[in-house]
Amino acid sequence: MAVWDVGLPQKQFRGISESWNDGLARSKMDAGPPKVRLRFTAEVRNINIPIVLTAAEKATFTSFYENTIARGSLPFDWTDPDDDSTTISYRFKSRPVLTKAAGEWQGMMNLEVLP
């Protein structure tokens, strides 16, 4: 399992957003309320983490994304944003978009936390 590169910022960032998949199956009934059941027990948690990188960190990030985790197809371990100490497994949901502003690269990482 790959690990978040030590050459990249290690602490979680401000402005993290989090959501969960529905995970429920609803069946319409002839009468009364719909029947609801769990579709699966291992739910995927979605996390969007903003990132700010220097030029050197951007090169490290590009190498990590392209080579280490095969353009986001492989999972990697990093700290949990809930406590910044527990290690959990992530995978990219989409390719990150980075924008250069005031000498820094800024972007959003759309990740999913694997069960």
N, C-alpha and C. Protein backbone atom coordinates (compact mmCIF):
# COMPACT_ATOMS: atom_id res chain seq x y z
N MET A 1 0.85 -1.18 0.00
CA MET A 1 0.00 0.00 0.00
C MET A 1 0.90 1.24 0.00
N ALA A 2 0.60 2.16 -0.88
CA ALA A 2 1.33 3.42 -0.94
C ALA A 2 0.98 4.28 0.28
N VAL A 3 1.88 5.19 0.61
CA VAL A 3 1.69 6.11 1.73
C VAL A 3 1.86 7.52 1.20
N TRP A 4 1.04 8.47 1.71
CA TRP A 4 1.14 9.88 1.33
C TRP A 4 2.60 10.30 1.44
N ASP A 5 3.14 10.88 0.40
CA ASP A 5 4.56 11.20 0.31
C ASP A 5 5.01 12.17 1.40
N VAL A 6 6.15 11.89 2.03
CA VAL A 6 6.67 12.75 3.10
C VAL A 6 7.10 14.12 2.59
N GLY A 7 7.29 14.26 1.28
CA GLY A 7 7.65 15.55 0.70
C GLY A 7 6.46 16.46 0.46
N LEU A 8 5.27 16.00 0.84
CA LEU A 8 4.05 16.79 0.68
C LEU A 8 3.56 17.26 2.05
N PRO A 9 2.72 18.31 2.08
CA PRO A 9 2.19 18.75 3.37
C PRO A 9 1.56 17.57 4.11
N GLN A 10 1.85 17.44 5.40
CA GLN A 10 1.41 16.28 6.16
C GLN A 10 0.12 16.51 6.95
N LYS A 11 -0.12 17.72 7.37
CA LYS A 11 -1.31 17.97 8.18
C LYS A 11 -2.52 18.17 7.27
N GLN A 12 -3.66 17.81 7.79
CA GLN A 12 -4.90 18.04 7.05
C GLN A 12 -5.13 19.55 6.97
N PHE A 13 -5.95 19.96 6.05
CA PHE A 13 -6.07 21.37 5.73
C PHE A 13 -7.42 21.93 6.14
N ARG A 14 -7.52 23.24 6.18
CA ARG A 14 -8.79 23.90 6.48
C ARG A 14 -9.71 23.83 5.27
N GLY A 15 -11.00 23.80 5.52
CA GLY A 15 -11.96 23.80 4.43
C GLY A 15 -12.30 22.43 3.90
N ILE A 16 -12.04 21.39 4.70
CA ILE A 16 -12.38 20.03 4.29
C ILE A 16 -13.89 19.87 4.30
N SER A 17 -14.44 19.24 3.26
CA SER A 17 -15.86 18.89 3.27
C SER A 17 -15.98 17.37 3.17
N GLU A 18 -17.07 16.87 3.72
CA GLU A 18 -17.23 15.43 3.84
C GLU A 18 -18.69 15.06 3.55
N SER A 19 -18.89 13.93 2.86
CA SER A 19 -20.24 13.43 2.60
C SER A 19 -20.20 11.91 2.55
N TRP A 20 -21.35 11.29 2.63
CA TRP A 20 -21.45 9.84 2.59
C TRP A 20 -22.40 9.43 1.48
N ASN A 21 -22.15 8.25 0.92
CA ASN A 21 -23.08 7.69 -0.05
C ASN A 21 -24.36 7.31 0.68
N ASP A 22 -25.46 7.28 -0.04
CA ASP A 22 -26.76 6.99 0.57
C ASP A 22 -26.74 5.62 1.23
N GLY A 23 -26.36 4.59 0.51
CA GLY A 23 -26.26 3.25 1.09
C GLY A 23 -27.58 2.59 1.41
N LEU A 24 -28.69 3.18 0.99
CA LEU A 24 -30.00 2.60 1.27
C LEU A 24 -30.70 2.21 -0.04
N ALA A 25 -31.46 1.14 0.02
CA ALA A 25 -32.30 0.74 -1.11
C ALA A 25 -33.75 0.94 -0.68
N ARG A 26 -34.51 1.66 -1.48
CA ARG A 26 -35.92 1.92 -1.19
C ARG A 26 -36.79 1.18 -2.19
N SER A 27 -37.77 0.48 -1.68
CA SER A 27 -38.71 -0.27 -2.53
C SER A 27 -40.10 0.29 -2.33
N LYS A 28 -40.73 0.69 -3.44
CA LYS A 28 -42.08 1.21 -3.37
C LYS A 28 -43.05 0.06 -3.07
N MET A 29 -43.97 0.30 -2.20
CA MET A 29 -44.95 -0.70 -1.81
C MET A 29 -46.30 -0.34 -2.44
N ASP A 30 -47.21 -1.32 -2.56
CA ASP A 30 -48.55 -1.05 -3.09
C ASP A 30 -49.30 -0.08 -2.19
N ALA A 31 -49.08 -0.20 -0.90
CA ALA A 31 -49.73 0.69 0.06
C ALA A 31 -48.75 0.97 1.19
N GLY A 32 -48.85 2.13 1.78
CA GLY A 32 -48.00 2.48 2.91
C GLY A 32 -46.65 3.03 2.50
N PRO A 33 -45.82 3.25 3.48
CA PRO A 33 -44.51 3.83 3.20
C PRO A 33 -43.60 2.84 2.49
N PRO A 34 -42.59 3.34 1.78
CA PRO A 34 -41.65 2.44 1.10
C PRO A 34 -40.87 1.60 2.10
N LYS A 35 -40.44 0.43 1.66
CA LYS A 35 -39.56 -0.42 2.46
C LYS A 35 -38.13 0.08 2.25
N VAL A 36 -37.37 0.16 3.34
CA VAL A 36 -36.00 0.66 3.27
C VAL A 36 -35.07 -0.38 3.90
N ARG A 37 -33.96 -0.66 3.21
CA ARG A 37 -32.97 -1.59 3.75
C ARG A 37 -31.59 -1.07 3.37
N LEU A 38 -30.58 -1.56 4.11
CA LEU A 38 -29.21 -1.22 3.76
C LEU A 38 -28.83 -1.91 2.46
N ARG A 39 -28.22 -1.19 1.56
CA ARG A 39 -27.75 -1.75 0.29
C ARG A 39 -26.42 -2.46 0.51
N PHE A 40 -25.59 -1.92 1.38
CA PHE A 40 -24.31 -2.51 1.71
C PHE A 40 -23.91 -2.05 3.10
N THR A 41 -23.01 -2.77 3.73
CA THR A 41 -22.61 -2.43 5.09
C THR A 41 -21.34 -1.59 5.14
N ALA A 42 -20.49 -1.68 4.15
CA ALA A 42 -19.24 -0.92 4.11
C ALA A 42 -19.45 0.32 3.25
N GLU A 43 -19.75 1.43 3.90
CA GLU A 43 -20.05 2.65 3.18
C GLU A 43 -18.78 3.44 2.88
N VAL A 44 -18.73 4.04 1.71
CA VAL A 44 -17.59 4.87 1.30
C VAL A 44 -17.88 6.30 1.72
N ARG A 45 -16.89 6.92 2.37
CA ARG A 45 -16.99 8.31 2.81
C ARG A 45 -16.25 9.17 1.80
N ASN A 46 -16.85 10.25 1.35
CA ASN A 46 -16.23 11.16 0.39
C ASN A 46 -15.67 12.37 1.11
N ILE A 47 -14.42 12.72 0.80
CA ILE A 47 -13.77 13.87 1.44
C ILE A 47 -13.13 14.73 0.36
N ASN A 48 -13.40 16.02 0.43
CA ASN A 48 -12.75 17.00 -0.45
C ASN A 48 -11.77 17.80 0.40
N ILE A 49 -10.49 17.73 0.04
CA ILE A 49 -9.44 18.38 0.82
C ILE A 49 -8.73 19.41 -0.05
N PRO A 50 -8.80 20.70 0.34
CA PRO A 50 -8.04 21.70 -0.40
C PRO A 50 -6.55 21.53 -0.13
N ILE A 51 -5.74 21.83 -1.12
CA ILE A 51 -4.29 21.67 -0.97
C ILE A 51 -3.59 22.88 -1.57
N VAL A 52 -2.52 23.31 -0.90
CA VAL A 52 -1.67 24.41 -1.38
C VAL A 52 -0.24 23.88 -1.42
N LEU A 53 0.40 24.02 -2.58
CA LEU A 53 1.73 23.44 -2.79
C LEU A 53 2.71 24.48 -3.31
N THR A 54 3.96 24.35 -2.90
CA THR A 54 5.04 25.13 -3.50
C THR A 54 5.37 24.46 -4.84
N ALA A 55 6.26 25.08 -5.62
CA ALA A 55 6.64 24.48 -6.90
C ALA A 55 7.31 23.12 -6.69
N ALA A 56 8.16 23.00 -5.66
CA ALA A 56 8.82 21.71 -5.38
C ALA A 56 7.80 20.67 -4.93
N GLU A 57 6.86 21.07 -4.08
CA GLU A 57 5.83 20.13 -3.62
C GLU A 57 4.92 19.71 -4.77
N LYS A 58 4.68 20.61 -5.73
CA LYS A 58 3.85 20.25 -6.89
C LYS A 58 4.53 19.15 -7.70
N ALA A 59 5.84 19.25 -7.87
CA ALA A 59 6.57 18.21 -8.60
C ALA A 59 6.48 16.87 -7.86
N THR A 60 6.59 16.90 -6.54
CA THR A 60 6.46 15.69 -5.73
C THR A 60 5.05 15.13 -5.83
N PHE A 61 4.05 16.02 -5.76
CA PHE A 61 2.65 15.60 -5.86
C PHE A 61 2.38 14.95 -7.22
N THR A 62 2.88 15.56 -8.29
CA THR A 62 2.68 15.02 -9.63
C THR A 62 3.28 13.62 -9.75
N SER A 63 4.49 13.45 -9.23
CA SER A 63 5.14 12.14 -9.27
C SER A 63 4.36 11.12 -8.44
N PHE A 64 3.91 11.53 -7.25
CA PHE A 64 3.13 10.65 -6.38
C PHE A 64 1.85 10.21 -7.10
N TYR A 65 1.14 11.18 -7.68
CA TYR A 65 -0.14 10.88 -8.34
C TYR A 65 0.06 10.03 -9.60
N GLU A 66 0.99 10.43 -10.45
CA GLU A 66 1.19 9.74 -11.73
C GLU A 66 1.84 8.36 -11.57
N ASN A 67 2.85 8.27 -10.72
CA ASN A 67 3.65 7.04 -10.64
C ASN A 67 3.29 6.15 -9.45
N THR A 68 3.33 6.71 -8.24
CA THR A 68 3.14 5.90 -7.04
C THR A 68 1.75 5.31 -6.97
N ILE A 69 0.73 6.13 -7.25
CA ILE A 69 -0.65 5.62 -7.17
C ILE A 69 -1.31 5.49 -8.55
N ALA A 70 -0.49 5.39 -9.57
CA ALA A 70 -0.95 5.09 -10.94
C ALA A 70 -2.14 5.95 -11.36
N ARG A 71 -1.91 7.25 -11.37
CA ARG A 71 -2.92 8.24 -11.76
C ARG A 71 -4.21 8.13 -10.96
N GLY A 72 -4.06 7.80 -9.68
CA GLY A 72 -5.21 7.75 -8.79
C GLY A 72 -5.93 6.43 -8.74
N SER A 73 -5.45 5.43 -9.46
CA SER A 73 -6.16 4.14 -9.48
C SER A 73 -5.85 3.27 -8.26
N LEU A 74 -4.75 3.57 -7.57
CA LEU A 74 -4.37 2.78 -6.40
C LEU A 74 -4.65 3.55 -5.11
N PRO A 75 -5.01 2.85 -4.05
CA PRO A 75 -5.24 3.54 -2.77
C PRO A 75 -3.91 3.92 -2.11
N PHE A 76 -4.01 4.82 -1.14
CA PHE A 76 -2.84 5.20 -0.35
C PHE A 76 -3.28 5.50 1.07
N ASP A 77 -2.35 5.37 2.01
CA ASP A 77 -2.62 5.64 3.41
C ASP A 77 -2.20 7.06 3.76
N TRP A 78 -3.00 7.70 4.63
CA TRP A 78 -2.72 9.04 5.11
C TRP A 78 -3.51 9.22 6.39
N THR A 79 -3.27 10.31 7.10
CA THR A 79 -3.96 10.53 8.36
C THR A 79 -5.43 10.86 8.16
N ASP A 80 -6.23 10.48 9.15
CA ASP A 80 -7.67 10.75 9.15
C ASP A 80 -7.88 12.21 9.55
N PRO A 81 -8.67 12.98 8.80
CA PRO A 81 -8.89 14.39 9.15
C PRO A 81 -9.66 14.57 10.46
N ASP A 82 -10.30 13.50 10.94
CA ASP A 82 -11.04 13.61 12.21
C ASP A 82 -10.11 13.81 13.40
N ASP A 83 -8.91 13.20 13.36
CA ASP A 83 -8.02 13.31 14.52
C ASP A 83 -6.56 13.58 14.16
N ASP A 84 -6.22 13.63 12.89
CA ASP A 84 -4.85 13.89 12.42
C ASP A 84 -3.81 12.93 12.98
N SER A 85 -4.24 11.74 13.45
CA SER A 85 -3.24 10.79 13.95
C SER A 85 -3.52 9.37 13.46
N THR A 86 -4.77 8.99 13.30
CA THR A 86 -5.13 7.66 12.80
C THR A 86 -4.85 7.60 11.30
N THR A 87 -4.35 6.47 10.84
CA THR A 87 -4.09 6.29 9.40
C THR A 87 -5.27 5.57 8.77
N ILE A 88 -5.75 6.09 7.65
CA ILE A 88 -6.83 5.46 6.90
C ILE A 88 -6.44 5.38 5.43
N SER A 89 -7.19 4.61 4.66
CA SER A 89 -6.90 4.43 3.23
C SER A 89 -7.81 5.31 2.39
N TYR A 90 -7.21 5.99 1.43
CA TYR A 90 -7.91 6.88 0.51
C TYR A 90 -7.70 6.40 -0.92
N ARG A 91 -8.55 6.90 -1.81
CA ARG A 91 -8.35 6.75 -3.25
C ARG A 91 -8.94 8.01 -3.90
N PHE A 92 -8.29 8.49 -4.95
CA PHE A 92 -8.80 9.67 -5.66
C PHE A 92 -10.08 9.31 -6.40
N LYS A 93 -11.10 10.18 -6.30
CA LYS A 93 -12.34 10.00 -7.05
C LYS A 93 -12.22 10.64 -8.43
N SER A 94 -11.44 11.69 -8.51
CA SER A 94 -11.24 12.37 -9.79
C SER A 94 -9.84 12.98 -9.80
N ARG A 95 -9.39 13.27 -11.00
CA ARG A 95 -8.06 13.86 -11.18
C ARG A 95 -8.06 15.26 -10.57
N PRO A 96 -7.06 15.58 -9.73
CA PRO A 96 -7.02 16.91 -9.12
C PRO A 96 -6.73 18.00 -10.15
N VAL A 97 -7.29 19.17 -9.93
CA VAL A 97 -7.03 20.34 -10.76
C VAL A 97 -6.29 21.35 -9.89
N LEU A 98 -5.09 21.75 -10.33
CA LEU A 98 -4.28 22.71 -9.58
C LEU A 98 -4.18 24.01 -10.37
N THR A 99 -4.25 25.13 -9.66
CA THR A 99 -4.18 26.45 -10.27
C THR A 99 -3.05 27.23 -9.60
N LYS A 100 -2.23 27.88 -10.41
CA LYS A 100 -1.14 28.68 -9.85
C LYS A 100 -1.64 30.07 -9.52
N ALA A 101 -1.43 30.47 -8.27
CA ALA A 101 -1.84 31.80 -7.82
C ALA A 101 -0.81 32.31 -6.81
N ALA A 102 -0.27 33.48 -7.06
CA ALA A 102 0.69 34.12 -6.16
C ALA A 102 1.87 33.21 -5.82
N GLY A 103 2.38 32.49 -6.81
CA GLY A 103 3.56 31.65 -6.62
C GLY A 103 3.30 30.30 -5.98
N GLU A 104 2.04 29.99 -5.66
CA GLU A 104 1.68 28.70 -5.08
C GLU A 104 0.70 27.99 -5.99
N TRP A 105 0.67 26.68 -5.85
CA TRP A 105 -0.31 25.87 -6.57
C TRP A 105 -1.43 25.51 -5.60
N GLN A 106 -2.66 25.81 -5.99
CA GLN A 106 -3.81 25.53 -5.14
C GLN A 106 -4.78 24.62 -5.87
N GLY A 107 -5.43 23.75 -5.13
CA GLY A 107 -6.39 22.87 -5.75
C GLY A 107 -7.22 22.12 -4.73
N MET A 108 -8.02 21.20 -5.22
CA MET A 108 -8.90 20.40 -4.38
C MET A 108 -8.67 18.93 -4.71
N MET A 109 -8.52 18.12 -3.68
CA MET A 109 -8.40 16.68 -3.86
C MET A 109 -9.73 16.05 -3.51
N ASN A 110 -10.36 15.41 -4.48
CA ASN A 110 -11.62 14.70 -4.26
C ASN A 110 -11.28 13.24 -3.98
N LEU A 111 -11.40 12.85 -2.70
CA LEU A 111 -10.98 11.53 -2.27
C LEU A 111 -12.15 10.73 -1.72
N GLU A 112 -12.00 9.42 -1.72
CA GLU A 112 -12.94 8.57 -1.01
C GLU A 112 -12.16 7.77 0.01
N VAL A 113 -12.75 7.65 1.20
CA VAL A 113 -12.15 6.87 2.27
C VAL A 113 -12.64 5.44 2.09
N LEU A 114 -11.71 4.53 1.97
CA LEU A 114 -12.08 3.14 1.72
C LEU A 114 -12.38 2.44 3.04
N PRO A 115 -13.40 1.58 3.04
CA PRO A 115 -13.76 0.87 4.28
C PRO A 115 -12.70 -0.17 4.66
